[in-house]
């Protein structure tokens, strides 16, 4: 995709040295005009766009941002993660959630890159990767802690649900709030089905 004033990569949006305020405002309008589903596939771009604006234009950045459908909390989250995970490290994983988990536990970029490389090589899901980062020896098949009143059948169904979305979902389910909403819908379906 060609955005004037920027070099776009698969998981990064980089500013050219000659980027002008007008080009930045146009990039904001362009990304805001893209369908929300398509834009959720580009969370790095949104985070980079905010960071470039803050670095170059300061507080004026937020007057140029036009993402009405993305709450300020999500914008801040994307910005923060884009600052924490360098573009070189992002290229090692195809999933936003994996980079988010790595950035929480690992501060050093080289160690983060190595950890992401290993996770991709092993084909870990986000759930398995989180368990590995937390030092669980059985990270390949993590089981959630069972609270009173939950059955093994229910736990297995919820684990299957999580694994399905870890492996098959687009990046929009990587958002904790969206994922929680999907889990609530699934839990309701289980209750209706009598499981």
C-alpha atoms as a PDB file:
ATOM      1  CA  UNK A   1       0.000   0.000   0.000  1.00  0.00           C
ATOM      2  CA  UNK A   2       1.400   3.394  -0.927  1.00  0.00           C
ATOM      3  CA  UNK A   3       0.869   6.124   1.667  1.00  0.00           C
ATOM      4  CA  UNK A   4       2.671   9.390   0.847  1.00  0.00           C
ATOM      5  CA  UNK A   5       5.311  10.251   3.457  1.00  0.00           C
ATOM      6  CA  UNK A   6       5.459   6.691   4.778  1.00  0.00           C
ATOM      7  CA  UNK A   7       7.064   3.386   3.967  1.00  0.00           C
ATOM      8  CA  UNK A   8       4.582   0.612   4.706  1.00  0.00           C
ATOM      9  CA  UNK A   9       5.623  -2.891   5.599  1.00  0.00           C
ATOM     10  CA  UNK A  10       3.549  -5.891   6.596  1.00  0.00           C
ATOM     11  CA  UNK A  11       3.860  -5.165  10.337  1.00  0.00           C
ATOM     12  CA  UNK A  12       5.190  -1.615  10.440  1.00  0.00           C
ATOM     13  CA  UNK A  13       4.504   1.877   9.196  1.00  0.00           C
ATOM     14  CA  UNK A  14       7.706   3.908   8.970  1.00  0.00           C
ATOM     15  CA  UNK A  15       7.876   7.673   8.443  1.00  0.00           C
ATOM     16  CA  UNK A  16      10.079   9.088   5.725  1.00  0.00           C
ATOM     17  CA  UNK A  17      12.393  11.876   6.901  1.00  0.00           C
ATOM     18  CA  UNK A  18      10.492  14.379   4.746  1.00  0.00           C
ATOM     19  CA  UNK A  19       7.063  13.609   6.264  1.00  0.00           C
ATOM     20  CA  UNK A  20       4.938  16.756   6.425  1.00  0.00           C
ATOM     21  CA  UNK A  21       2.035  17.608   8.703  1.00  0.00           C
ATOM     22  CA  UNK A  22      -0.312  17.458   5.670  1.00  0.00           C
ATOM     23  CA  UNK A  23       0.918  13.996   4.701  1.00  0.00           C
ATOM     24  CA  UNK A  24       0.420  12.826   8.281  1.00  0.00           C
ATOM     25  CA  UNK A  25      -3.153  14.189   8.334  1.00  0.00           C
ATOM     26  CA  UNK A  26      -3.863  12.456   5.002  1.00  0.00           C
ATOM     27  CA  UNK A  27      -2.517   9.150   6.368  1.00  0.00           C
ATOM     28  CA  UNK A  28      -4.845   9.505   9.370  1.00  0.00           C
ATOM     29  CA  UNK A  29      -7.805  10.081   7.039  1.00  0.00           C
ATOM     30  CA  UNK A  30      -6.769   7.150   4.848  1.00  0.00           C
ATOM     31  CA  UNK A  31      -6.519   4.648   7.713  1.00  0.00           C
ATOM     32  CA  UNK A  32      -9.783   5.933   9.193  1.00  0.00           C
ATOM     33  CA  UNK A  33     -11.525   5.411   5.835  1.00  0.00           C
ATOM     34  CA  UNK A  34     -10.559   1.733   5.664  1.00  0.00           C
ATOM     35  CA  UNK A  35     -13.180  -0.743   6.799  1.00  0.00           C
ATOM     36  CA  UNK A  36     -12.783  -1.521  10.534  1.00  0.00           C
ATOM     37  CA  UNK A  37     -12.327  -5.248   9.883  1.00  0.00           C
ATOM     38  CA  UNK A  38      -9.485  -4.543   7.452  1.00  0.00           C
ATOM     39  CA  UNK A  39      -7.951  -2.020   9.870  1.00  0.00           C
ATOM     40  CA  UNK A  40      -7.915  -4.553  12.711  1.00  0.00           C
ATOM     41  CA  UNK A  41      -5.556  -6.556  10.540  1.00  0.00           C
ATOM     42  CA  UNK A  42      -3.165  -3.586  10.761  1.00  0.00           C
ATOM     43  CA  UNK A  43      -2.877  -2.814  14.487  1.00  0.00           C
ATOM     44  CA  UNK A  44       0.840  -2.114  14.097  1.00  0.00           C
ATOM     45  CA  UNK A  45       0.134   0.579  11.510  1.00  0.00           C
ATOM     46  CA  UNK A  46      -2.335   2.341  13.792  1.00  0.00           C
ATOM     47  CA  UNK A  47       0.133   2.171  16.711  1.00  0.00           C
ATOM     48  CA  UNK A  48       3.016   3.398  14.560  1.00  0.00           C
ATOM     49  CA  UNK A  49       0.898   6.208  13.124  1.00  0.00           C
ATOM     50  CA  UNK A  50       0.087   7.486  16.623  1.00  0.00           C
ATOM     51  CA  UNK A  51       3.714   7.236  17.750  1.00  0.00           C
ATOM     52  CA  UNK A  52       5.068   8.990  14.655  1.00  0.00           C
ATOM     53  CA  UNK A  53       2.519  11.765  15.170  1.00  0.00           C
ATOM     54  CA  UNK A  54       3.402  12.179  18.852  1.00  0.00           C
ATOM     55  CA  UNK A  55       7.132  12.237  18.070  1.00  0.00           C
ATOM     56  CA  UNK A  56       6.829  14.705  15.197  1.00  0.00           C
ATOM     57  CA  UNK A  57       3.807  16.860  15.999  1.00  0.00           C
ATOM     58  CA  UNK A  58       3.210  16.466  19.740  1.00  0.00           C
ATOM     59  CA  UNK A  59      -0.293  17.034  21.087  1.00  0.00           C
ATOM     60  CA  UNK A  60      -1.565  18.184  17.675  1.00  0.00           C
ATOM     61  CA  UNK A  61      -1.531  14.501  16.716  1.00  0.00           C
ATOM     62  CA  UNK A  62      -4.825  13.793  18.449  1.00  0.00           C
ATOM     63  CA  UNK A  63      -6.586  16.515  16.476  1.00  0.00           C
ATOM     64  CA  UNK A  64      -5.582  14.762  13.257  1.00  0.00           C
ATOM     65  CA  UNK A  65      -6.583  11.241  14.339  1.00  0.00           C
ATOM     66  CA  UNK A  66     -10.013  10.328  13.036  1.00  0.00           C
ATOM     67  CA  UNK A  67     -10.691   6.875  14.441  1.00  0.00           C
ATOM     68  CA  UNK A  68     -14.201   7.334  15.805  1.00  0.00           C
ATOM     69  CA  UNK A  69     -14.788   3.585  16.048  1.00  0.00           C
ATOM     70  CA  UNK A  70     -11.657   2.819  18.077  1.00  0.00           C
ATOM     71  CA  UNK A  71     -11.802   3.932  21.691  1.00  0.00           C
ATOM     72  CA  UNK A  72      -8.937   5.938  23.181  1.00  0.00           C
ATOM     73  CA  UNK A  73      -7.949   2.978  25.374  1.00  0.00           C
ATOM     74  CA  UNK A  74      -7.393   0.773  22.322  1.00  0.00           C
ATOM     75  CA  UNK A  75      -5.484   3.532  20.548  1.00  0.00           C
ATOM     76  CA  UNK A  76      -3.251   3.924  23.601  1.00  0.00           C
ATOM     77  CA  UNK A  77      -2.762   0.152  23.780  1.00  0.00           C
ATOM     78  CA  UNK A  78      -1.729  -0.051  20.113  1.00  0.00           C
ATOM     79  CA  UNK A  79       0.598   2.916  20.539  1.00  0.00           C
ATOM     80  CA  UNK A  80       2.229   1.459  23.640  1.00  0.00           C
ATOM     81  CA  UNK A  81       2.770  -1.970  22.098  1.00  0.00           C
ATOM     82  CA  UNK A  82       4.143  -0.472  18.873  1.00  0.00           C
ATOM     83  CA  UNK A  83       6.722   1.416  20.985  1.00  0.00           C
ATOM     84  CA  UNK A  84       7.644  -1.682  23.012  1.00  0.00           C
ATOM     85  CA  UNK A  85       8.044  -4.091  20.094  1.00  0.00           C
ATOM     86  CA  UNK A  86      10.436  -2.893  17.400  1.00  0.00           C
ATOM     87  CA  UNK A  87       9.566  -3.584  13.732  1.00  0.00           C
ATOM     88  CA  UNK A  88      12.445  -6.075  13.444  1.00  0.00           C
ATOM     89  CA  UNK A  89      10.952  -8.113  16.295  1.00  0.00           C
ATOM     90  CA  UNK A  90       7.396  -7.871  14.938  1.00  0.00           C
ATOM     91  CA  UNK A  91       8.437  -9.629  11.744  1.00  0.00           C
ATOM     92  CA  UNK A  92       9.083 -12.815  13.732  1.00  0.00           C
ATOM     93  CA  UNK A  93       5.434 -13.489  14.509  1.00  0.00           C
ATOM     94  CA  UNK A  94       2.262 -13.223  12.511  1.00  0.00           C
ATOM     95  CA  UNK A  95       0.103 -12.562  15.553  1.00  0.00           C
ATOM     96  CA  UNK A  96      -0.390  -9.370  17.532  1.00  0.00           C
ATOM     97  CA  UNK A  97      -1.332 -11.339  20.655  1.00  0.00           C
ATOM     98  CA  UNK A  98       1.974 -13.226  20.663  1.00  0.00           C
ATOM     99  CA  UNK A  99       3.939  -9.967  20.508  1.00  0.00           C
ATOM    100  CA  UNK A 100       1.740  -8.484  23.251  1.00  0.00           C
ATOM    101  CA  UNK A 101       2.414 -11.446  25.545  1.00  0.00           C
ATOM    102  CA  UNK A 102       6.149 -11.298  24.836  1.00  0.00           C
ATOM    103  CA  UNK A 103       6.273  -7.547  25.554  1.00  0.00           C
ATOM    104  CA  UNK A 104       4.692  -8.072  28.985  1.00  0.00           C
ATOM    105  CA  UNK A 105       7.193 -10.679  30.156  1.00  0.00           C
ATOM    106  CA  UNK A 106      10.352  -9.806  28.209  1.00  0.00           C
ATOM    107  CA  UNK A 107      11.852  -6.316  28.061  1.00  0.00           C
ATOM    108  CA  UNK A 108      15.033  -7.023  26.053  1.00  0.00           C
ATOM    109  CA  UNK A 109      14.350  -6.931  22.280  1.00  0.00           C
ATOM    110  CA  UNK A 110      16.867  -9.692  21.475  1.00  0.00           C
ATOM    111  CA  UNK A 111      15.404 -12.051  24.079  1.00  0.00           C
ATOM    112  CA  UNK A 112      11.899 -11.162  22.908  1.00  0.00           C
ATOM    113  CA  UNK A 113      12.873 -11.905  19.304  1.00  0.00           C
ATOM    114  CA  UNK A 114      14.390 -15.256  20.287  1.00  0.00           C
ATOM    115  CA  UNK A 115      11.311 -16.195  22.313  1.00  0.00           C
ATOM    116  CA  UNK A 116       8.966 -15.306  19.433  1.00  0.00           C
ATOM    117  CA  UNK A 117      11.148 -17.244  16.982  1.00  0.00           C
ATOM    118  CA  UNK A 118      10.938 -20.335  19.216  1.00  0.00           C
ATOM    119  CA  UNK A 119       7.162 -19.972  19.647  1.00  0.00           C
ATOM    120  CA  UNK A 120       6.610 -19.704  15.887  1.00  0.00           C
ATOM    121  CA  UNK A 121       8.919 -22.681  15.247  1.00  0.00           C
ATOM    122  CA  UNK A 122       6.999 -24.763  17.801  1.00  0.00           C
ATOM    123  CA  UNK A 123       3.657 -23.612  16.362  1.00  0.00           C
ATOM    124  CA  UNK A 124       2.395 -22.484  19.763  1.00  0.00           C
ATOM    125  CA  UNK A 125      -1.014 -20.913  20.219  1.00  0.00           C
ATOM    126  CA  UNK A 126      -1.268 -17.704  22.237  1.00  0.00           C
ATOM    127  CA  UNK A 127      -2.574 -19.714  25.197  1.00  0.00           C
ATOM    128  CA  UNK A 128       0.348 -22.150  25.030  1.00  0.00           C
ATOM    129  CA  UNK A 129       2.842 -19.312  24.604  1.00  0.00           C
ATOM    130  CA  UNK A 130       1.456 -17.524  27.653  1.00  0.00           C
ATOM    131  CA  UNK A 131       1.776 -20.730  29.679  1.00  0.00           C
ATOM    132  CA  UNK A 132       5.366 -21.148  28.472  1.00  0.00           C
ATOM    133  CA  UNK A 133       6.228 -17.535  29.379  1.00  0.00           C
ATOM    134  CA  UNK A 134       4.753 -18.156  32.836  1.00  0.00           C
ATOM    135  CA  UNK A 135       7.070 -21.143  33.266  1.00  0.00           C
ATOM    136  CA  UNK A 136       4.421 -23.868  33.190  1.00  0.00           C
ATOM    137  CA  UNK A 137       6.075 -27.214  32.380  1.00  0.00           C
ATOM    138  CA  UNK A 138       2.961 -28.505  30.581  1.00  0.00           C
ATOM    139  CA  UNK A 139       2.663 -25.410  28.365  1.00  0.00           C
ATOM    140  CA  UNK A 140       1.734 -27.516  25.329  1.00  0.00           C
ATOM    141  CA  UNK A 141      -1.585 -28.404  26.895  1.00  0.00           C
ATOM    142  CA  UNK A 142      -2.337 -25.767  29.517  1.00  0.00           C
ATOM    143  CA  UNK A 143      -5.427 -26.353  31.591  1.00  0.00           C
ATOM    144  CA  UNK A 144      -7.193 -23.501  33.287  1.00  0.00           C
ATOM    145  CA  UNK A 145      -7.557 -23.681  37.046  1.00  0.00           C
ATOM    146  CA  UNK A 146     -10.919 -25.196  37.897  1.00  0.00           C
ATOM    147  CA  UNK A 147     -13.154 -23.158  40.138  1.00  0.00           C
ATOM    148  CA  UNK A 148     -15.842 -24.845  42.278  1.00  0.00           C
ATOM    149  CA  UNK A 149     -18.908 -25.880  40.296  1.00  0.00           C
ATOM    150  CA  UNK A 150     -17.126 -26.273  36.958  1.00  0.00           C
ATOM    151  CA  UNK A 151     -17.035 -29.675  35.302  1.00  0.00           C
ATOM    152  CA  UNK A 152     -14.289 -31.339  33.308  1.00  0.00           C
ATOM    153  CA  UNK A 153     -16.586 -31.380  30.278  1.00  0.00           C
ATOM    154  CA  UNK A 154     -17.162 -27.621  30.589  1.00  0.00           C
ATOM    155  CA  UNK A 155     -13.402 -26.974  31.001  1.00  0.00           C
ATOM    156  CA  UNK A 156     -12.631 -29.064  27.927  1.00  0.00           C
ATOM    157  CA  UNK A 157     -15.229 -27.195  25.861  1.00  0.00           C
ATOM    158  CA  UNK A 158     -13.824 -23.815  26.980  1.00  0.00           C
ATOM    159  CA  UNK A 159     -10.241 -24.967  26.264  1.00  0.00           C
ATOM    160  CA  UNK A 160     -11.347 -26.144  22.788  1.00  0.00           C
ATOM    161  CA  UNK A 161     -13.021 -22.770  22.246  1.00  0.00           C
ATOM    162  CA  UNK A 162      -9.831 -20.889  23.241  1.00  0.00           C
ATOM    163  CA  UNK A 163      -7.624 -23.109  21.081  1.00  0.00           C
ATOM    164  CA  UNK A 164      -9.948 -22.713  18.095  1.00  0.00           C
ATOM    165  CA  UNK A 165      -9.749 -18.921  18.293  1.00  0.00           C
ATOM    166  CA  UNK A 166      -6.012 -18.939  19.051  1.00  0.00           C
ATOM    167  CA  UNK A 167      -5.438 -20.849  15.831  1.00  0.00           C
ATOM    168  CA  UNK A 168      -8.155 -19.514  13.536  1.00  0.00           C
ATOM    169  CA  UNK A 169      -9.287 -16.064  14.498  1.00  0.00           C
ATOM    170  CA  UNK A 170      -8.338 -12.803  12.866  1.00  0.00           C
ATOM    171  CA  UNK A 171      -6.453 -10.308  15.002  1.00  0.00           C
ATOM    172  CA  UNK A 172      -9.613  -8.586  16.229  1.00  0.00           C
ATOM    173  CA  UNK A 173     -10.143 -11.417  18.707  1.00  0.00           C
ATOM    174  CA  UNK A 174      -6.717 -10.692  20.186  1.00  0.00           C
ATOM    175  CA  UNK A 175      -8.328  -7.747  21.960  1.00  0.00           C
ATOM    176  CA  UNK A 176      -9.130  -8.865  25.520  1.00  0.00           C
ATOM    177  CA  UNK A 177     -12.520  -7.123  25.476  1.00  0.00           C
ATOM    178  CA  UNK A 178     -13.568  -8.699  22.147  1.00  0.00           C
ATOM    179  CA  UNK A 179     -12.325 -12.092  23.264  1.00  0.00           C
ATOM    180  CA  UNK A 180     -14.240 -11.836  26.555  1.00  0.00           C
ATOM    181  CA  UNK A 181     -17.397 -10.921  24.642  1.00  0.00           C
ATOM    182  CA  UNK A 182     -16.938 -13.974  22.384  1.00  0.00           C
ATOM    183  CA  UNK A 183     -16.425 -16.186  25.460  1.00  0.00           C
ATOM    184  CA  UNK A 184     -19.653 -14.852  27.039  1.00  0.00           C
ATOM    185  CA  UNK A 185     -21.575 -15.660  23.860  1.00  0.00           C
ATOM    186  CA  UNK A 186     -20.094 -19.159  23.818  1.00  0.00           C
ATOM    187  CA  UNK A 187     -20.859 -19.704  27.532  1.00  0.00           C
ATOM    188  CA  UNK A 188     -24.454 -18.634  26.924  1.00  0.00           C
ATOM    189  CA  UNK A 189     -24.679 -21.109  24.040  1.00  0.00           C
ATOM    190  CA  UNK A 190     -23.430 -23.868  26.368  1.00  0.00           C
ATOM    191  CA  UNK A 191     -26.036 -22.957  28.975  1.00  0.00           C
ATOM    192  CA  UNK A 192     -28.806 -22.961  26.383  1.00  0.00           C
ATOM    193  CA  UNK A 193     -27.573 -26.360  25.166  1.00  0.00           C
ATOM    194  CA  UNK A 194     -27.638 -27.649  28.753  1.00  0.00           C
ATOM    195  CA  UNK A 195     -23.896 -28.298  29.045  1.00  0.00           C
END
